[in-house]
Protein backbone atom coordinates (compact mmCIF):
# COMPACT_ATOMS: atom_id res chain seq x y z
CA MET A 1 -10.24 11.68 3.80
CA SER A 2 -13.97 12.10 4.28
CA GLU A 3 -15.39 15.03 2.37
CA PRO A 4 -16.47 18.13 4.33
CA THR A 5 -20.25 18.40 4.47
CA ALA A 6 -22.77 20.94 5.64
CA PRO A 7 -23.92 20.85 9.28
CA PRO A 8 -27.39 19.44 10.01
CA THR A 9 -30.27 21.78 9.41
CA PRO A 10 -32.78 22.32 12.24
CA LEU A 11 -35.29 20.24 10.28
CA GLN A 12 -32.86 17.35 9.88
CA ALA A 13 -31.96 17.42 13.58
CA ALA A 14 -35.62 17.54 14.59
CA ALA A 15 -36.47 14.62 12.32
CA LEU A 16 -33.68 12.51 13.83
CA ARG A 17 -34.80 13.30 17.36
CA ARG A 18 -38.37 12.27 16.55
CA VAL A 19 -37.17 8.86 15.39
CA LEU A 20 -34.30 8.21 17.83
CA GLY A 21 -35.45 10.09 20.93
CA ALA A 22 -34.89 13.74 21.72
CA GLU A 23 -32.84 13.04 24.83
CA ARG A 24 -30.57 10.52 23.08
CA VAL A 25 -29.46 12.66 20.14
CA ARG A 26 -26.86 14.98 21.61
CA ALA A 27 -25.27 18.03 20.00
CA SER A 28 -21.64 19.17 19.82
CA VAL A 29 -20.10 16.11 21.49
CA PRO A 30 -16.25 16.05 21.46
CA LEU A 31 -14.98 12.93 19.71
CA ALA A 32 -11.43 12.83 21.11
CA PRO A 33 -12.45 10.77 24.20
CA PHE A 34 -13.96 8.13 21.91
CA THR A 35 -10.84 7.54 19.79
CA THR A 36 -7.66 5.66 20.67
CA PHE A 37 -5.62 8.67 19.45
CA ARG A 38 -7.52 10.97 21.86
CA ILE A 39 -7.74 13.48 19.02
CA GLY A 40 -10.76 15.00 17.29
CA GLY A 41 -13.22 17.87 17.33
CA PRO A 42 -16.96 17.64 18.04
CA ALA A 43 -19.73 15.80 16.24
CA ASP A 44 -22.64 18.03 15.28
CA LEU A 45 -24.97 15.25 16.42
CA PHE A 46 -24.12 12.13 18.42
CA TYR A 47 -26.15 8.98 19.11
CA GLU A 48 -25.35 5.69 20.86
CA PRO A 49 -27.49 2.71 19.78
CA GLU A 50 -27.70 -0.08 22.36
CA SER A 51 -28.89 -2.84 20.01
CA ALA A 52 -28.62 -3.94 16.39
CA ARG A 53 -32.20 -2.79 15.89
CA GLU A 54 -31.38 0.71 17.15
CA LEU A 55 -28.24 0.79 15.02
CA ALA A 56 -30.17 -0.03 11.86
CA ARG A 57 -32.86 2.51 12.76
CA ALA A 58 -30.27 5.27 13.24
CA ILE A 59 -28.60 4.64 9.89
CA VAL A 60 -31.90 4.48 8.04
CA ALA A 61 -33.06 7.69 9.75
CA ALA A 62 -29.88 9.55 8.77
CA ARG A 63 -30.19 8.33 5.19
CA ASN A 64 -33.85 9.29 5.02
CA VAL A 65 -33.17 12.91 6.02
CA GLY A 66 -30.11 13.17 3.78
CA LEU A 67 -27.64 13.62 6.63
CA SER A 68 -23.99 12.57 6.55
CA TRP A 69 -23.20 9.94 9.17
CA PHE A 70 -20.20 8.05 10.49
CA LEU A 71 -20.24 4.78 12.42
CA LEU A 72 -17.80 4.81 15.33
CA GLY A 73 -16.64 1.71 17.18
CA LEU A 74 -13.66 1.91 19.53
CA GLY A 75 -12.10 4.70 17.48
CA ALA A 76 -8.92 2.88 16.40
CA ASN A 77 -7.27 3.27 12.98
CA ILE A 78 -8.81 6.71 12.46
CA LEU A 79 -7.81 10.35 12.74
CA VAL A 80 -10.72 12.70 13.40
CA GLY A 81 -10.27 16.27 12.16
CA ASP A 82 -9.82 19.13 14.59
CA ARG A 83 -13.08 20.65 13.37
CA GLY A 84 -14.97 17.46 14.09
CA PHE A 85 -17.65 15.79 12.00
CA ARG A 86 -20.41 17.64 10.15
CA GLY A 87 -23.40 15.38 10.57
CA LEU A 88 -24.31 12.44 12.81
CA VAL A 89 -21.78 10.22 14.57
CA ILE A 90 -23.27 6.88 15.60
CA ARG A 91 -21.20 5.31 18.38
CA ASN A 92 -22.03 1.62 18.26
CA ARG A 93 -22.86 0.16 21.67
CA ALA A 94 -24.87 -2.84 20.44
CA ARG A 95 -23.04 -5.51 22.45
CA THR A 96 -25.34 -8.50 23.08
CA MET A 97 -23.68 -11.92 22.71
CA ARG A 98 -25.12 -15.44 22.62
CA VAL A 99 -23.24 -18.76 22.74
CA ASP A 100 -24.33 -22.16 21.51
CA PRO A 101 -21.67 -24.49 22.97
CA ALA A 102 -23.11 -27.57 21.28
CA ALA A 103 -22.88 -25.95 17.83
CA GLY A 104 -19.62 -24.19 18.67
CA THR A 105 -21.00 -20.82 17.63
CA LEU A 106 -20.76 -17.38 19.18
CA TRP A 107 -23.21 -14.73 17.93
CA ALA A 108 -22.44 -11.11 18.74
CA GLU A 109 -23.85 -7.73 17.85
CA SER A 110 -21.42 -5.55 15.95
CA GLY A 111 -20.62 -3.20 18.83
CA ALA A 112 -19.34 -6.05 21.01
CA VAL A 113 -15.72 -5.49 22.01
CA VAL A 114 -13.36 -8.17 20.69
CA TRP A 115 -10.98 -7.88 23.66
CA PRO A 116 -11.74 -8.74 26.33
CA ASP A 117 -15.50 -9.32 25.99
CA LEU A 118 -15.78 -11.55 22.91
CA ILE A 119 -12.59 -13.51 23.58
CA GLU A 120 -13.34 -14.07 27.25
CA THR A 121 -16.88 -15.23 26.46
CA ALA A 122 -15.53 -17.81 24.02
CA ILE A 123 -12.91 -19.05 26.47
CA GLU A 124 -15.41 -19.31 29.33
CA HIS A 125 -17.41 -21.70 27.16
CA GLY A 126 -14.35 -23.70 26.09
CA LEU A 127 -14.36 -22.42 22.50
CA SER A 128 -11.17 -21.79 20.52
CA GLY A 129 -10.47 -19.50 17.55
CA LEU A 130 -10.62 -15.99 18.98
CA GLU A 131 -7.72 -16.22 21.43
CA HIS A 132 -5.33 -14.87 18.77
CA TYR A 133 -6.70 -11.31 18.89
CA PRO A 134 -6.23 -9.97 22.45
CA GLY A 135 -5.10 -6.42 23.02
CA ILE A 136 -6.30 -5.17 19.64
CA PRO A 137 -8.87 -2.38 20.06
CA SER A 138 -11.78 -3.40 17.86
CA THR A 139 -15.48 -4.09 17.86
CA VAL A 140 -16.95 -7.03 15.97
CA GLY A 141 -18.03 -4.69 13.19
CA GLY A 142 -14.55 -3.21 12.95
CA ALA A 143 -12.99 -6.68 12.96
CA LEU A 144 -15.00 -7.68 9.90
CA TRP A 145 -14.45 -4.33 8.20
CA GLN A 146 -10.68 -4.78 8.24
CA ASN A 147 -10.42 -8.60 8.44
CA LEU A 148 -8.75 -8.32 11.85
CA HIS A 149 -5.44 -10.12 11.94
CA PHE A 150 -2.61 -10.88 14.30
CA LEU A 151 0.80 -12.52 13.84
CA ALA A 152 0.65 -15.28 16.43
CA PRO A 153 4.10 -15.65 18.04
CA ALA A 154 3.99 -18.97 19.85
CA PRO A 155 5.77 -22.04 18.39
CA ALA A 156 3.81 -23.82 15.66
CA ARG A 157 1.55 -20.75 15.27
CA GLU A 158 3.98 -18.33 13.66
CA ARG A 159 1.64 -17.14 10.94
CA THR A 160 -0.90 -14.37 10.53
CA MET A 161 -4.31 -15.29 11.92
CA PHE A 162 -7.35 -13.67 10.24
CA ILE A 163 -10.83 -13.18 11.70
CA ALA A 164 -12.20 -14.42 8.35
CA GLU A 165 -11.03 -17.90 9.33
CA VAL A 166 -13.61 -18.15 12.12
CA THR A 167 -16.39 -16.01 10.64
CA ALA A 168 -19.43 -18.04 9.62
CA GLY A 169 -21.70 -15.22 8.48
CA ALA A 170 -23.33 -11.98 9.48
CA GLU A 171 -26.46 -9.87 9.52
CA ILE A 172 -26.02 -6.62 7.62
CA LEU A 173 -27.88 -3.48 6.69
CA SER A 174 -27.08 -3.04 3.01
CA GLU A 175 -26.36 0.32 1.44
CA GLU A 176 -29.77 -0.09 -0.22
CA GLY A 177 -31.38 -0.18 3.23
CA GLU A 178 -32.21 -3.90 3.39
CA ARG A 179 -31.47 -6.17 6.36
CA GLN A 180 -29.86 -9.35 5.06
CA SER A 181 -28.14 -12.50 6.29
CA VAL A 182 -24.92 -13.19 4.38
CA GLY A 183 -22.24 -15.87 4.42
CA VAL A 184 -18.54 -15.29 4.94
CA GLU A 185 -17.93 -15.31 1.19
CA TYR A 186 -19.96 -12.11 0.86
CA PHE A 187 -17.21 -10.11 2.54
CA GLN A 188 -14.50 -10.87 -0.03
CA PHE A 189 -11.93 -10.74 2.74
CA GLY A 190 -8.33 -9.79 1.96
CA TYR A 191 -5.37 -8.43 3.88
CA ASP A 192 -6.68 -5.38 5.76
CA THR A 193 -9.76 -5.24 3.56
CA SER A 194 -13.28 -6.50 2.87
CA ILE A 195 -16.30 -5.61 0.74
CA LEU A 196 -17.16 -3.07 3.45
CA HIS A 197 -14.38 -0.84 2.12
CA HIS A 198 -16.26 -0.54 -1.15
CA ARG A 199 -19.93 -0.61 -0.14
CA ARG A 200 -21.74 1.28 2.62
CA ASP A 201 -23.07 -1.92 4.11
CA VAL A 202 -23.08 -2.06 7.91
CA VAL A 203 -22.57 -5.19 10.01
CA LEU A 204 -25.35 -5.52 12.59
CA ALA A 205 -24.21 -8.84 14.07
CA ALA A 206 -21.87 -11.71 13.22
CA THR A 207 -21.63 -15.43 13.93
CA PHE A 208 -18.28 -17.07 14.64
CA GLN A 209 -17.72 -20.79 14.15
CA LEU A 210 -15.33 -22.00 16.83
CA THR A 211 -13.86 -25.32 17.95
CA PRO A 212 -13.62 -26.94 21.40
CA GLY A 213 -10.59 -25.91 23.42
CA ASP A 214 -9.19 -26.18 26.91
CA PRO A 215 -9.78 -22.85 28.71
CA GLU A 216 -6.43 -23.04 30.53
CA THR A 217 -4.57 -23.55 27.25
CA LEU A 218 -6.53 -20.77 25.57
CA ARG A 219 -5.73 -18.33 28.38
CA ARG A 220 -2.04 -19.22 28.09
CA ILE A 221 -2.17 -18.36 24.39
CA VAL A 222 -3.87 -15.06 25.24
CA ARG A 223 -1.09 -14.23 27.73
CA GLU A 224 1.60 -15.06 25.16
CA ASN A 225 -0.04 -12.92 22.50
CA LEU A 226 -0.53 -10.01 24.92
CA GLU A 227 3.12 -10.16 25.97
CA TRP A 228 4.26 -10.23 22.34
CA ARG A 229 2.11 -7.19 21.61
CA ARG A 230 3.23 -5.29 24.73
CA GLU A 231 6.85 -5.63 23.67
CA ARG A 232 6.19 -4.03 20.28
CA HIS A 233 3.29 -1.61 20.69
CA PRO A 234 2.96 1.44 22.92
CA PRO A 235 0.29 1.12 25.63
CA LEU A 236 -2.85 2.99 24.59
CA ASP A 237 -3.66 4.16 28.10
CA THR A 238 -0.43 6.17 28.41
CA GLU A 239 0.64 6.61 24.77
CA PRO A 240 -2.52 7.06 22.67
CA SER A 241 -2.19 6.03 19.03
CA ALA A 242 -4.27 4.91 16.07
CA GLY A 243 -2.25 1.78 15.37
CA SER A 244 -0.10 1.46 12.26
CA ILE A 245 -0.08 4.72 10.31
CA PHE A 246 1.03 3.39 6.92
CA GLN A 247 0.00 0.40 4.84
CA LYS A 248 2.17 -2.67 4.69
CA ILE A 249 4.79 -2.73 1.92
CA GLU A 250 5.32 -6.37 1.01
CA GLY A 251 8.88 -7.53 1.52
CA VAL A 252 10.08 -4.19 2.88
CA GLY A 253 7.89 -2.98 5.72
CA ALA A 254 6.80 0.60 6.25
CA GLY A 255 8.15 0.60 9.81
CA ARG A 256 11.53 -0.68 8.68
CA LEU A 257 11.82 2.11 6.07
CA ILE A 258 10.93 4.77 8.63
CA ASP A 259 13.42 3.31 11.09
CA GLU A 260 16.19 3.13 8.47
CA CYS A 261 15.62 6.83 7.74
CA GLY A 262 16.30 7.64 11.38
CA LEU A 263 12.81 9.01 11.98
CA LYS A 264 12.02 7.33 15.29
CA GLY A 265 11.53 10.05 17.88
CA THR A 266 10.62 12.71 15.30
CA ARG A 267 8.05 15.10 16.72
CA ILE A 268 5.76 17.79 15.33
CA GLY A 269 3.68 19.52 17.98
CA GLY A 270 2.21 16.82 20.18
CA ALA A 271 2.57 14.04 17.56
CA LEU A 272 5.57 11.73 17.92
CA VAL A 273 7.00 8.77 15.98
CA THR A 274 7.35 6.34 18.86
CA THR A 275 10.74 4.75 19.46
CA ARG A 276 8.98 1.46 20.16
CA HIS A 277 7.54 1.00 16.67
CA ALA A 278 8.44 3.29 13.75
CA ASN A 279 5.06 2.83 12.03
CA ILE A 280 3.13 4.05 15.05
CA PHE A 281 2.69 7.71 15.93
CA ILE A 282 1.55 8.62 19.42
CA ASN A 283 -0.20 11.56 20.99
CA ALA A 284 2.61 12.65 23.29
CA GLY A 285 0.41 15.32 24.85
CA GLY A 286 -1.98 17.83 23.34
CA ALA A 287 -1.55 16.56 19.79
CA THR A 288 -3.94 17.89 17.17
CA ALA A 289 -5.02 16.29 13.92
CA ALA A 290 -3.00 19.00 12.17
CA ASP A 291 0.12 17.84 14.06
CA VAL A 292 -0.44 14.24 12.98
CA ARG A 293 -1.05 15.16 9.35
CA ALA A 294 2.10 17.29 9.31
CA LEU A 295 4.12 14.41 10.77
CA ILE A 296 2.66 12.00 8.22
CA ALA A 297 3.62 14.32 5.37
CA HIS A 298 7.13 14.81 6.76
CA VAL A 299 7.75 11.07 7.13
CA GLN A 300 6.40 10.39 3.64
CA GLU A 301 8.68 13.03 2.14
CA VAL A 302 11.82 11.81 3.89
CA VAL A 303 11.18 8.15 3.09
CA LEU A 304 10.43 8.92 -0.56
CA GLN A 305 13.57 11.02 -0.98
CA ARG A 306 15.86 8.52 0.71
CA THR A 307 14.42 5.19 -0.39
CA GLY A 308 12.15 5.85 -3.36
CA HIS A 309 9.21 4.20 -1.59
CA GLN A 310 5.89 6.03 -1.34
CA LEU A 311 4.17 5.42 2.01
CA THR A 312 0.37 5.25 1.88
CA PRO A 313 -1.64 5.97 5.03
CA GLU A 314 -3.52 3.01 6.46
CA ILE A 315 -5.62 5.04 8.89
CA SER A 316 -8.85 6.71 7.79
CA PHE A 317 -9.21 10.50 7.95
CA ILE A 318 -12.63 11.38 9.32
CA GLY A 319 -14.43 14.70 9.41
CA SER A 320 -13.34 18.25 8.77
CA PHE A 321 -9.68 19.23 8.84
């Protein structure tokens, strides 16, 4: 959980507005509409960069004035506290993309949306490698942060596909404040993890190395993957969620444990363990962060008592609870 911090002082807010534009730094913006859970209180200050340059400038400005900041993409895999975020929330809207068909590369700023924007751009240019990730709410920056992955269902592809496999390199703003170009090895990718979990580096843009592919075949793969996902995951537009709540337990499965304990359908307030997937909680209407945290604690307690397994949350807890 992110540590509670003090709200911005008038001097800090004024300094940010001088650098980023008075009209673009907004105050007391509710964060719920910007998360897939549709839960979360307001950000003290809120800014939307439209380019990698603006993104870097915003982060440097927040660091220079000593203000806490949080980088928000599509708002998946997080639970924002009911009291919101004390500091600056930077909602990344840097979404420029460039394709070099001859080299087989696709360059994208970190706020570019993986599905459909990034995937469709690749397919339109006959480039394969990204068609395995449709339906997953993520920006490019988020994809590298978590090493985005998907269990491809079609015959001969029944294995987990990782974004690291097609990542050639990236431009980052290091936690020391330097803009750098790094190779894929820099990220130390693992399952659900990367170096970005351990350093406050920020991806500004990334380059993906793709291979030639037939657009019709690639779109068929997209349809197959979307159908596989629809059968197993609740639709975000009608059943908001943050994705999997608990980390994977090798050889057992967090969802399987929850299901075996008969916890599907368990509800606390507006938070519900969906019957479609036991490791996904949904906002069934008016859910608060407090409801979700109470449901998490309840499921952890029941599973520990009945199976001896300790479930560890996979989602990040952001802001003040």
